[in-house]
Every structure is written in C-alpha cells, then in structure tokens.
Amino acid sequence: MTKTPGQLAYETDVEAKPTYDDGSPRRAWESLDAVVKRSWERNPTPRWKKAD
C-alpha cells in the first residue's frame, strides 16, 4: 500500500514529537479519525521540527 502525502507528513511529525504534552503516545495513522486524516491530507506538512 502506498502512503499518502498526509500520512507521510503525520508520521514524520510523530517521529519528531512522539508524545502529547501529557506524555501519552500519539496514535498511529490507522487509528486516526477521518476528520483528522482529512486535515493532514489538506495540509501535508509536519507541524513539529525534530530537535537537533
């Protein structure tokens, strides 16, 4: 299965920031709601930059 631009951006974002502010892990792409996935597909850019 080919990953969509939104999925690639989300996974890159999760790699840079794997947990929420409360320390809980972020969900896998497959478990995201359709509305959240659609948001990532409309704007397929990571929101966090990985710390150097």
PDB file of N, CA and C in Angstrom:
ATOM      1  N   MET A   1       0.839  -1.189   0.000  1.00  0.00           N
ATOM      2  CA  MET A   1       0.000   0.000   0.000  1.00  0.00           C
ATOM      3  C   MET A   1       0.884   1.252   0.000  1.00  0.00           C
ATOM      4  N   THR A   2       0.568   2.181  -0.867  1.00  0.00           N
ATOM      5  CA  THR A   2       1.302   3.430  -0.971  1.00  0.00           C
ATOM      6  C   THR A   2       0.780   4.415   0.067  1.00  0.00           C
ATOM      7  N   LYS A   3       1.698   5.076   0.750  1.00  0.00           N
ATOM      8  CA  LYS A   3       1.303   6.067   1.752  1.00  0.00           C
ATOM      9  C   LYS A   3       0.957   7.381   1.060  1.00  0.00           C
ATOM     10  N   THR A   4      -0.048   8.052   1.588  1.00  0.00           N
ATOM     11  CA  THR A   4      -0.465   9.339   1.036  1.00  0.00           C
ATOM     12  C   THR A   4       0.463  10.439   1.561  1.00  0.00           C
ATOM     13  N   PRO A   5       0.457  11.611   0.915  1.00  0.00           N
ATOM     14  CA  PRO A   5       1.260  12.719   1.417  1.00  0.00           C
ATOM     15  C   PRO A   5       0.896  13.094   2.859  1.00  0.00           C
ATOM     16  N   GLY A   6      -0.382  13.043   3.195  1.00  0.00           N
ATOM     17  CA  GLY A   6      -0.811  13.361   4.555  1.00  0.00           C
ATOM     18  C   GLY A   6      -0.290  12.356   5.563  1.00  0.00           C
ATOM     19  N   GLN A   7      -0.323  11.095   5.209  1.00  0.00           N
ATOM     20  CA  GLN A   7       0.184  10.058   6.111  1.00  0.00           C
ATOM     21  C   GLN A   7       1.685  10.212   6.314  1.00  0.00           C
ATOM     22  N   LEU A   8       2.419  10.470   5.257  1.00  0.00           N
ATOM     23  CA  LEU A   8       3.863  10.668   5.382  1.00  0.00           C
ATOM     24  C   LEU A   8       4.178  11.868   6.275  1.00  0.00           C
ATOM     25  N   ALA A   9       3.430  12.955   6.098  1.00  0.00           N
ATOM     26  CA  ALA A   9       3.647  14.147   6.923  1.00  0.00           C
ATOM     27  C   ALA A   9       3.324  13.853   8.382  1.00  0.00           C
ATOM     28  N   TYR A  10       2.224  13.152   8.640  1.00  0.00           N
ATOM     29  CA  TYR A  10       1.842  12.820  10.011  1.00  0.00           C
ATOM     30  C   TYR A  10       2.904  11.937  10.664  1.00  0.00           C
ATOM     31  N   GLU A  11       3.358  10.927   9.954  1.00  0.00           N
ATOM     32  CA  GLU A  11       4.359  10.027  10.525  1.00  0.00           C
ATOM     33  C   GLU A  11       5.681  10.741  10.782  1.00  0.00           C
ATOM     34  N   THR A  12       6.044  11.681   9.922  1.00  0.00           N
ATOM     35  CA  THR A  12       7.237  12.493  10.159  1.00  0.00           C
ATOM     36  C   THR A  12       7.043  13.351  11.404  1.00  0.00           C
ATOM     37  N   ASP A  13       5.857  13.893  11.551  1.00  0.00           N
ATOM     38  CA  ASP A  13       5.529  14.717  12.708  1.00  0.00           C
ATOM     39  C   ASP A  13       5.587  13.900  14.002  1.00  0.00           C
ATOM     40  N   VAL A  14       5.052  12.684  13.957  1.00  0.00           N
ATOM     41  CA  VAL A  14       5.070  11.809  15.140  1.00  0.00           C
ATOM     42  C   VAL A  14       6.504  11.423  15.494  1.00  0.00           C
ATOM     43  N   GLU A  15       7.331  11.228  14.494  1.00  0.00           N
ATOM     44  CA  GLU A  15       8.739  10.902  14.749  1.00  0.00           C
ATOM     45  C   GLU A  15       9.426  12.044  15.495  1.00  0.00           C
ATOM     46  N   ALA A  16       9.102  13.285  15.110  1.00  0.00           N
ATOM     47  CA  ALA A  16       9.700  14.453  15.751  1.00  0.00           C
ATOM     48  C   ALA A  16       9.135  14.689  17.149  1.00  0.00           C
ATOM     49  N   LYS A  17       7.861  14.385  17.345  1.00  0.00           N
ATOM     50  CA  LYS A  17       7.207  14.583  18.642  1.00  0.00           C
ATOM     51  C   LYS A  17       6.287  13.396  18.890  1.00  0.00           C
ATOM     52  N   PRO A  18       6.815  12.314  19.448  1.00  0.00           N
ATOM     53  CA  PRO A  18       6.049  11.066  19.571  1.00  0.00           C
ATOM     54  C   PRO A  18       5.000  11.045  20.676  1.00  0.00           C
ATOM     55  N   THR A  19       5.016  12.039  21.563  1.00  0.00           N
ATOM     56  CA  THR A  19       4.035  12.051  22.648  1.00  0.00           C
ATOM     57  C   THR A  19       3.318  13.393  22.703  1.00  0.00           C
ATOM     58  N   TYR A  20       2.116  13.369  23.301  1.00  0.00           N
ATOM     59  CA  TYR A  20       1.386  14.601  23.563  1.00  0.00           C
ATOM     60  C   TYR A  20       2.007  15.286  24.776  1.00  0.00           C
ATOM     61  N   ASP A  21       1.575  16.480  25.071  1.00  0.00           N
ATOM     62  CA  ASP A  21       2.140  17.235  26.197  1.00  0.00           C
ATOM     63  C   ASP A  21       1.981  16.513  27.529  1.00  0.00           C
ATOM     64  N   ASP A  22       0.963  15.673  27.645  1.00  0.00           N
ATOM     65  CA  ASP A  22       0.763  14.945  28.902  1.00  0.00           C
ATOM     66  C   ASP A  22       1.592  13.658  28.979  1.00  0.00           C
ATOM     67  N   GLY A  23       2.391  13.391  27.943  1.00  0.00           N
ATOM     68  CA  GLY A  23       3.262  12.222  27.933  1.00  0.00           C
ATOM     69  C   GLY A  23       2.662  10.993  27.284  1.00  0.00           C
ATOM     70  N   SER A  24       1.387  11.039  26.927  1.00  0.00           N
ATOM     71  CA  SER A  24       0.773   9.878  26.284  1.00  0.00           C
ATOM     72  C   SER A  24       1.215   9.804  24.825  1.00  0.00           C
ATOM     73  N   PRO A  25       1.374   8.589  24.302  1.00  0.00           N
ATOM     74  CA  PRO A  25       1.849   8.443  22.921  1.00  0.00           C
ATOM     75  C   PRO A  25       0.806   8.871  21.905  1.00  0.00           C
ATOM     76  N   ARG A  26       1.291   9.417  20.803  1.00  0.00           N
ATOM     77  CA  ARG A  26       0.389   9.782  19.718  1.00  0.00           C
ATOM     78  C   ARG A  26      -0.050   8.524  18.986  1.00  0.00           C
ATOM     79  N   ARG A  27      -1.238   8.567  18.429  1.00  0.00           N
ATOM     80  CA  ARG A  27      -1.823   7.393  17.783  1.00  0.00           C
ATOM     81  C   ARG A  27      -1.215   7.146  16.398  1.00  0.00           C
ATOM     82  N   ALA A  28      -1.286   5.898  15.980  1.00  0.00           N
ATOM     83  CA  ALA A  28      -0.855   5.527  14.633  1.00  0.00           C
ATOM     84  C   ALA A  28      -1.845   6.079  13.614  1.00  0.00           C
ATOM     85  N   TRP A  29      -1.379   6.309  12.414  1.00  0.00           N
ATOM     86  CA  TRP A  29      -2.202   6.836  11.336  1.00  0.00           C
ATOM     87  C   TRP A  29      -3.496   6.036  11.171  1.00  0.00           C
ATOM     88  N   GLU A  30      -3.385   4.733  11.227  1.00  0.00           N
ATOM     89  CA  GLU A  30      -4.529   3.859  11.005  1.00  0.00           C
ATOM     90  C   GLU A  30      -5.646   4.082  12.022  1.00  0.00           C
ATOM     91  N   SER A  31      -5.316   4.583  13.196  1.00  0.00           N
ATOM     92  CA  SER A  31      -6.330   4.754  14.241  1.00  0.00           C
ATOM     93  C   SER A  31      -6.870   6.184  14.334  1.00  0.00           C
ATOM     94  N   LEU A  32      -6.431   7.063  13.445  1.00  0.00           N
ATOM     95  CA  LEU A  32      -6.930   8.438  13.459  1.00  0.00           C
ATOM     96  C   LEU A  32      -8.332   8.508  12.862  1.00  0.00           C
ATOM     97  N   ASP A  33      -9.112   9.457  13.344  1.00  0.00           N
ATOM     98  CA  ASP A  33     -10.447   9.694  12.799  1.00  0.00           C
ATOM     99  C   ASP A  33     -10.336  10.246  11.377  1.00  0.00           C
ATOM    100  N   ALA A  34     -11.373  10.042  10.583  1.00  0.00           N
ATOM    101  CA  ALA A  34     -11.385  10.505   9.198  1.00  0.00           C
ATOM    102  C   ALA A  34     -11.188  12.014   9.098  1.00  0.00           C
ATOM    103  N   VAL A  35     -11.750  12.767  10.032  1.00  0.00           N
ATOM    104  CA  VAL A  35     -11.617  14.229  10.012  1.00  0.00           C
ATOM    105  C   VAL A  35     -10.153  14.635  10.217  1.00  0.00           C
ATOM    106  N   VAL A  36      -9.468  13.959  11.112  1.00  0.00           N
ATOM    107  CA  VAL A  36      -8.055  14.261  11.377  1.00  0.00           C
ATOM    108  C   VAL A  36      -7.212  13.912  10.152  1.00  0.00           C
ATOM    109  N   LYS A  37      -7.473  12.757   9.574  1.00  0.00           N
ATOM    110  CA  LYS A  37      -6.732  12.366   8.368  1.00  0.00           C
ATOM    111  C   LYS A  37      -6.954  13.371   7.242  1.00  0.00           C
ATOM    112  N   ARG A  38      -8.191  13.815   7.085  1.00  0.00           N
ATOM    113  CA  ARG A  38      -8.512  14.778   6.038  1.00  0.00           C
ATOM    114  C   ARG A  38      -7.742  16.083   6.247  1.00  0.00           C
ATOM    115  N   SER A  39      -7.600  16.499   7.496  1.00  0.00           N
ATOM    116  CA  SER A  39      -6.830  17.702   7.807  1.00  0.00           C
ATOM    117  C   SER A  39      -5.377  17.544   7.368  1.00  0.00           C
ATOM    118  N   TRP A  40      -4.799  16.388   7.647  1.00  0.00           N
ATOM    119  CA  TRP A  40      -3.412  16.133   7.241  1.00  0.00           C
ATOM    120  C   TRP A  40      -3.298  16.044   5.720  1.00  0.00           C
ATOM    121  N   GLU A  41      -4.312  15.524   5.065  1.00  0.00           N
ATOM    122  CA  GLU A  41      -4.276  15.441   3.598  1.00  0.00           C
ATOM    123  C   GLU A  41      -4.399  16.816   2.953  1.00  0.00           C
ATOM    124  N   ARG A  42      -5.180  17.694   3.565  1.00  0.00           N
ATOM    125  CA  ARG A  42      -5.316  19.060   3.026  1.00  0.00           C
ATOM    126  C   ARG A  42      -4.043  19.863   3.216  1.00  0.00           C
ATOM    127  N   ASN A  43      -3.325  19.602   4.303  1.00  0.00           N
ATOM    128  CA  ASN A  43      -2.094  20.336   4.598  1.00  0.00           C
ATOM    129  C   ASN A  43      -1.018  19.321   4.985  1.00  0.00           C
ATOM    130  N   PRO A  44      -0.428  18.634   3.993  1.00  0.00           N
ATOM    131  CA  PRO A  44       0.513  17.559   4.286  1.00  0.00           C
ATOM    132  C   PRO A  44       1.920  18.051   4.624  1.00  0.00           C
ATOM    133  N   THR A  45       2.004  18.802   5.694  1.00  0.00           N
ATOM    134  CA  THR A  45       3.311  19.275   6.166  1.00  0.00           C
ATOM    135  C   THR A  45       3.450  18.977   7.646  1.00  0.00           C
ATOM    136  N   PRO A  46       4.612  18.478   8.066  1.00  0.00           N
ATOM    137  CA  PRO A  46       4.821  18.239   9.501  1.00  0.00           C
ATOM    138  C   PRO A  46       4.678  19.533  10.293  1.00  0.00           C
ATOM    139  N   ARG A  47       4.122  19.434  11.481  1.00  0.00           N
ATOM    140  CA  ARG A  47       3.901  20.615  12.319  1.00  0.00           C
ATOM    141  C   ARG A  47       5.031  20.838  13.305  1.00  0.00           C
ATOM    142  N   TRP A  48       5.830  19.808  13.589  1.00  0.00           N
ATOM    143  CA  TRP A  48       6.923  19.904  14.557  1.00  0.00           C
ATOM    144  C   TRP A  48       8.252  19.703  13.836  1.00  0.00           C
ATOM    145  N   LYS A  49       9.264  20.366  14.342  1.00  0.00           N
ATOM    146  CA  LYS A  49      10.607  20.147  13.831  1.00  0.00           C
ATOM    147  C   LYS A  49      11.365  19.314  14.839  1.00  0.00           C
ATOM    148  N   LYS A  50      12.069  18.325  14.374  1.00  0.00           N
ATOM    149  CA  LYS A  50      12.850  17.453  15.234  1.00  0.00           C
ATOM    150  C   LYS A  50      14.003  18.242  15.836  1.00  0.00           C
ATOM    151  N   ALA A  51      14.203  18.076  17.127  1.00  0.00           N
ATOM    152  CA  ALA A  51      15.303  18.774  17.807  1.00  0.00           C
ATOM    153  C   ALA A  51      16.635  18.205  17.332  1.00  0.00           C
ATOM    154  N   ASP A  52      17.598  19.084  17.153  1.00  0.00           N
ATOM    155  CA  ASP A  52      18.928  18.645  16.714  1.00  0.00           C
ATOM    156  C   ASP A  52      19.770  18.143  17.848  1.00  0.00           C
TER     157      ASP A  52
END
